[in-house]
Amino acid sequence: YYGTGGIFHYFCYVHPMSLQIFQDRTRPSWDTIWNQIQLSQKSMFIYVLLPVLDEFLIESGWTRTYYTIDEIGGWPMYVATMLVYFSLVEIGIYWMHRTLHTNKWMYKNIHMMHHQYKKAETLTPWASIAFNPIDGMLQASPYVGALFFVPCHYMTHFGLLFFTAIWATYIHDSMDWNIDPIMGSKYHTVHHTHYIYNYGQVFTFCDRIWGTFREPEGPTGVPVKRKAL
């Protein structure tokens, strides 16, 4: 958290290019950043229980995790099962995230804490895990649940979990670095400002299939100038 957050913080707010980025938009305040760091640190103490449970289930032999490429039948099967596994994870995260919004009790008691950051100037890389720890565990649970249905290489699985931590930092930086069909920070900023769009984690395909995709309008954090009718 502190490593990825620090690197993104440097490129977003310290590097000379940040002067150009914030010519027409408001920088996040230090109070906002400090609030996110404090909330994230509190959440971490419980949030880390999910990878502990994950490792326990794997080591106990209850999942379909494997350890060598030969076990799965070679590289073609490795790639095929990995694509199926990650697609299932992506769909699971989409519906878990969407449920956290559509279920009134879950939104009010679990997810709303994270949505206190509802403007571009309140989103920073430090907001990546600034949430109720139960929220984070629920959204990450498809990584664990999918292991019961689809084989996944042990190192690939934990590599994806590590990648997710970096990705969560990226999508909360409210920058404009995006390559469609990737669900980048520009799209996730729309999620925070409009609530009912862009629930996906890494890709946009779930939102496009189930009708919740919204294209950002103009540069992030810059008010859209609309022509008078």
Protein backbone atom coordinates (compact mmCIF):
# COMPACT_ATOMS: atom_id res chain seq x y z
CA TYR A 1 0.00 0.00 0.00
CA TYR A 2 2.63 2.54 0.99
CA GLY A 3 4.99 1.53 -1.80
CA THR A 4 2.47 1.72 -4.64
CA GLY A 5 0.74 4.73 -3.12
CA GLY A 6 4.04 6.57 -2.79
CA ILE A 7 5.08 5.88 -6.39
CA PHE A 8 1.73 7.00 -7.79
CA HIS A 9 1.72 10.02 -5.48
CA TYR A 10 5.06 11.13 -6.90
CA PHE A 11 3.95 10.90 -10.52
CA CYS A 12 0.52 12.45 -9.86
CA TYR A 13 1.48 15.32 -7.56
CA VAL A 14 5.27 15.83 -7.43
CA HIS A 15 6.65 15.08 -10.89
CA PRO A 16 6.89 18.19 -13.15
CA MET A 17 4.08 16.87 -15.36
CA SER A 18 1.71 17.36 -12.42
CA LEU A 19 1.94 21.12 -13.00
CA GLN A 20 0.29 20.63 -16.37
CA ILE A 21 -2.26 18.12 -15.07
CA PHE A 22 -3.59 20.52 -12.45
CA GLN A 23 -3.68 23.69 -14.52
CA ASP A 24 -7.46 23.46 -14.90
CA ARG A 25 -8.43 21.25 -11.97
CA THR A 26 -8.17 21.16 -8.18
CA ARG A 27 -5.47 19.18 -6.40
CA PRO A 28 -6.55 16.85 -3.60
CA SER A 29 -5.94 18.42 -0.19
CA TRP A 30 -3.50 17.00 2.33
CA ASP A 31 -6.44 16.54 4.71
CA THR A 32 -8.09 14.24 2.17
CA ILE A 33 -4.90 12.24 1.65
CA TRP A 34 -4.28 11.91 5.38
CA ASN A 35 -7.87 10.79 5.95
CA GLN A 36 -7.47 8.06 3.32
CA ILE A 37 -4.18 6.84 4.77
CA GLN A 38 -5.64 6.63 8.27
CA LEU A 39 -8.74 4.76 7.10
CA SER A 40 -6.64 2.39 4.97
CA GLN A 41 -4.30 1.59 7.84
CA LYS A 42 -7.24 0.78 10.13
CA SER A 43 -8.80 -1.44 7.45
CA MET A 44 -5.58 -3.35 6.80
CA PHE A 45 -5.64 -5.10 10.17
CA ILE A 46 -8.80 -6.98 9.16
CA TYR A 47 -8.46 -6.91 5.36
CA VAL A 48 -5.32 -9.06 5.48
CA LEU A 49 -7.38 -11.93 6.91
CA LEU A 50 -8.67 -12.72 3.40
CA PRO A 51 -5.27 -13.73 1.92
CA VAL A 52 -4.60 -15.67 5.15
CA LEU A 53 -7.85 -17.63 4.63
CA ASP A 54 -6.98 -17.98 0.94
CA GLU A 55 -3.61 -19.53 1.73
CA PHE A 56 -5.17 -21.85 4.32
CA LEU A 57 -7.71 -23.17 1.80
CA ILE A 58 -5.00 -23.73 -0.81
CA GLU A 59 -2.58 -25.45 1.57
CA SER A 60 -5.41 -27.65 2.87
CA GLY A 61 -6.04 -28.91 -0.67
CA TRP A 62 -9.62 -27.64 -0.87
CA THR A 63 -9.13 -25.65 -4.08
CA ARG A 64 -8.11 -26.54 -7.64
CA THR A 65 -4.80 -24.69 -7.33
CA TYR A 66 -1.81 -26.44 -8.92
CA TYR A 67 1.94 -25.82 -8.65
CA THR A 68 3.61 -26.84 -11.93
CA ILE A 69 2.75 -26.36 -15.59
CA ASP A 70 3.00 -30.13 -16.14
CA GLU A 71 0.14 -30.69 -13.68
CA ILE A 72 -2.29 -28.77 -15.89
CA GLY A 73 -1.09 -30.34 -19.16
CA GLY A 74 1.31 -27.77 -20.58
CA TRP A 75 1.34 -24.09 -21.50
CA PRO A 76 -1.76 -24.06 -23.77
CA MET A 77 -3.91 -25.41 -20.93
CA TYR A 78 -2.25 -23.01 -18.50
CA VAL A 79 -3.20 -20.02 -20.67
CA ALA A 80 -6.72 -21.33 -21.34
CA THR A 81 -7.55 -22.00 -17.70
CA MET A 82 -5.99 -18.71 -16.61
CA LEU A 83 -8.24 -16.80 -19.03
CA VAL A 84 -11.29 -18.66 -17.76
CA TYR A 85 -10.26 -18.08 -14.14
CA PHE A 86 -9.67 -14.36 -14.58
CA SER A 87 -12.90 -13.91 -16.57
CA LEU A 88 -14.84 -15.62 -13.79
CA VAL A 89 -13.11 -13.38 -11.23
CA GLU A 90 -13.94 -10.27 -13.26
CA ILE A 91 -17.62 -11.25 -13.50
CA GLY A 92 -17.74 -12.11 -9.80
CA ILE A 93 -16.21 -8.77 -8.78
CA TYR A 94 -18.60 -6.89 -11.06
CA TRP A 95 -21.67 -8.45 -9.47
CA MET A 96 -20.31 -8.21 -5.94
CA HIS A 97 -19.53 -4.51 -6.45
CA ARG A 98 -22.90 -3.90 -8.08
CA THR A 99 -24.69 -5.66 -5.21
CA LEU A 100 -22.88 -3.46 -2.70
CA HIS A 101 -24.59 -0.55 -4.45
CA THR A 102 -28.05 -1.99 -5.15
CA ASN A 103 -28.56 -3.60 -1.73
CA LYS A 104 -29.52 -0.65 0.47
CA TRP A 105 -28.33 -2.22 3.73
CA MET A 106 -24.95 -3.24 2.29
CA TYR A 107 -24.43 0.16 0.71
CA LYS A 108 -25.30 2.10 3.85
CA ASN A 109 -23.40 -0.11 6.31
CA ILE A 110 -20.47 -1.34 4.22
CA HIS A 111 -19.80 0.40 0.92
CA MET A 112 -20.85 3.99 1.55
CA MET A 113 -17.70 4.64 3.60
CA HIS A 114 -15.61 4.33 0.43
CA HIS A 115 -17.98 6.58 -1.50
CA GLN A 116 -17.38 9.55 0.73
CA TYR A 117 -14.77 10.25 -1.98
CA LYS A 118 -17.24 11.38 -4.63
CA LYS A 119 -15.35 14.02 -6.58
CA ALA A 120 -12.18 13.90 -8.67
CA GLU A 121 -10.40 16.17 -6.17
CA THR A 122 -11.13 13.71 -3.35
CA LEU A 123 -9.78 10.66 -5.20
CA THR A 124 -6.08 9.85 -4.79
CA PRO A 125 -3.89 6.75 -4.99
CA TRP A 126 -4.21 6.53 -1.20
CA ALA A 127 -7.95 5.82 -1.53
CA SER A 128 -7.31 2.35 -2.96
CA ILE A 129 -8.17 0.52 0.28
CA ALA A 130 -9.77 3.38 2.20
CA PHE A 131 -12.90 1.36 2.90
CA ASN A 132 -14.69 -0.80 5.41
CA PRO A 133 -12.46 -3.93 5.52
CA ILE A 134 -15.52 -6.15 4.97
CA ASP A 135 -16.08 -4.20 1.74
CA GLY A 136 -12.59 -5.05 0.50
CA MET A 137 -12.89 -8.69 1.50
CA LEU A 138 -16.22 -9.08 -0.31
CA GLN A 139 -14.93 -7.48 -3.51
CA ALA A 140 -11.76 -9.61 -3.47
CA SER A 141 -13.59 -12.84 -2.58
CA PRO A 142 -14.10 -13.92 -6.24
CA TYR A 143 -10.32 -14.48 -6.44
CA VAL A 144 -10.76 -17.11 -3.74
CA GLY A 145 -14.14 -18.47 -4.78
CA ALA A 146 -13.09 -19.06 -8.39
CA LEU A 147 -10.33 -21.42 -7.20
CA PHE A 148 -13.00 -23.98 -6.28
CA PHE A 149 -14.20 -24.15 -9.91
CA VAL A 150 -11.27 -23.36 -12.22
CA PRO A 151 -7.65 -24.55 -11.92
CA CYS A 152 -5.13 -21.75 -11.40
CA HIS A 153 -1.37 -21.88 -10.95
CA TYR A 154 -0.31 -21.05 -7.37
CA MET A 155 2.13 -18.30 -8.37
CA THR A 156 -0.27 -16.89 -10.97
CA HIS A 157 -3.00 -16.66 -8.34
CA PHE A 158 -0.88 -14.73 -5.87
CA GLY A 159 0.61 -12.67 -8.69
CA LEU A 160 -2.92 -11.58 -9.60
CA LEU A 161 -3.66 -10.68 -5.98
CA PHE A 162 -0.52 -8.54 -5.89
CA PHE A 163 -1.45 -7.00 -9.24
CA THR A 164 -4.89 -6.14 -7.87
CA ALA A 165 -3.32 -4.07 -5.10
CA ILE A 166 -1.40 -2.05 -7.70
CA TRP A 167 -4.47 -1.80 -9.92
CA ALA A 168 -6.62 -0.48 -7.07
CA THR A 169 -4.04 2.25 -6.53
CA TYR A 170 -4.11 3.15 -10.22
CA ILE A 171 -7.88 3.35 -10.69
CA HIS A 172 -8.26 5.72 -7.74
CA ASP A 173 -5.69 8.30 -8.88
CA SER A 174 -8.34 10.19 -10.96
CA MET A 175 -5.96 10.66 -13.88
CA ASP A 176 -6.72 10.22 -17.60
CA TRP A 177 -4.39 7.30 -18.38
CA ASN A 178 -6.70 4.81 -20.11
CA ILE A 179 -6.68 2.25 -22.91
CA ASP A 180 -10.13 0.90 -23.77
CA PRO A 181 -11.36 -1.83 -23.03
CA ILE A 182 -9.40 -1.39 -19.80
CA MET A 183 -11.42 -0.08 -16.83
CA GLY A 184 -8.86 2.60 -16.01
CA SER A 185 -8.86 5.46 -13.54
CA LYS A 186 -10.85 7.76 -15.80
CA TYR A 187 -13.72 5.26 -15.89
CA HIS A 188 -13.51 4.52 -12.17
CA THR A 189 -13.68 8.23 -11.39
CA VAL A 190 -17.03 8.23 -13.21
CA HIS A 191 -18.10 5.43 -10.88
CA HIS A 192 -17.31 7.56 -7.84
CA THR A 193 -19.04 10.65 -9.20
CA HIS A 194 -22.14 8.90 -10.59
CA TYR A 195 -22.43 5.74 -8.40
CA ILE A 196 -24.44 3.56 -10.81
CA TYR A 197 -21.89 3.07 -13.60
CA ASN A 198 -18.59 1.28 -14.25
CA TYR A 199 -18.59 -1.44 -11.59
CA GLY A 200 -15.90 -3.50 -13.33
CA GLN A 201 -12.43 -4.01 -11.95
CA VAL A 202 -9.97 -4.35 -14.84
CA PHE A 203 -12.09 -4.55 -18.00
CA THR A 204 -15.22 -2.83 -19.27
CA PHE A 205 -16.90 -5.91 -20.78
CA CYS A 206 -19.18 -6.65 -17.79
CA ASP A 207 -20.51 -3.09 -17.72
CA ARG A 208 -21.05 -3.15 -21.48
CA ILE A 209 -22.90 -6.50 -21.33
CA TRP A 210 -25.15 -5.57 -18.39
CA GLY A 211 -25.80 -1.96 -19.36
CA THR A 212 -23.89 -0.04 -16.68
CA PHE A 213 -21.04 1.34 -18.79
CA ARG A 214 -20.60 5.11 -19.01
CA GLU A 215 -18.00 6.89 -21.11
CA PRO A 216 -16.25 9.79 -19.33
CA GLU A 217 -17.00 13.29 -20.64
CA GLY A 218 -13.88 15.38 -21.17
CA PRO A 219 -10.73 15.47 -19.03
CA THR A 220 -11.07 14.17 -15.47
CA GLY A 221 -11.76 16.83 -12.86
CA VAL A 222 -12.38 19.59 -15.40
CA PRO A 223 -16.00 20.83 -15.51
CA VAL A 224 -17.69 20.06 -18.83
CA LYS A 225 -18.67 23.23 -20.65
CA ARG A 226 -22.09 22.74 -22.21
CA LYS A 227 -23.50 24.89 -24.96
CA ALA A 228 -26.58 26.89 -24.10
CA LEU A 229 -29.73 25.70 -25.88
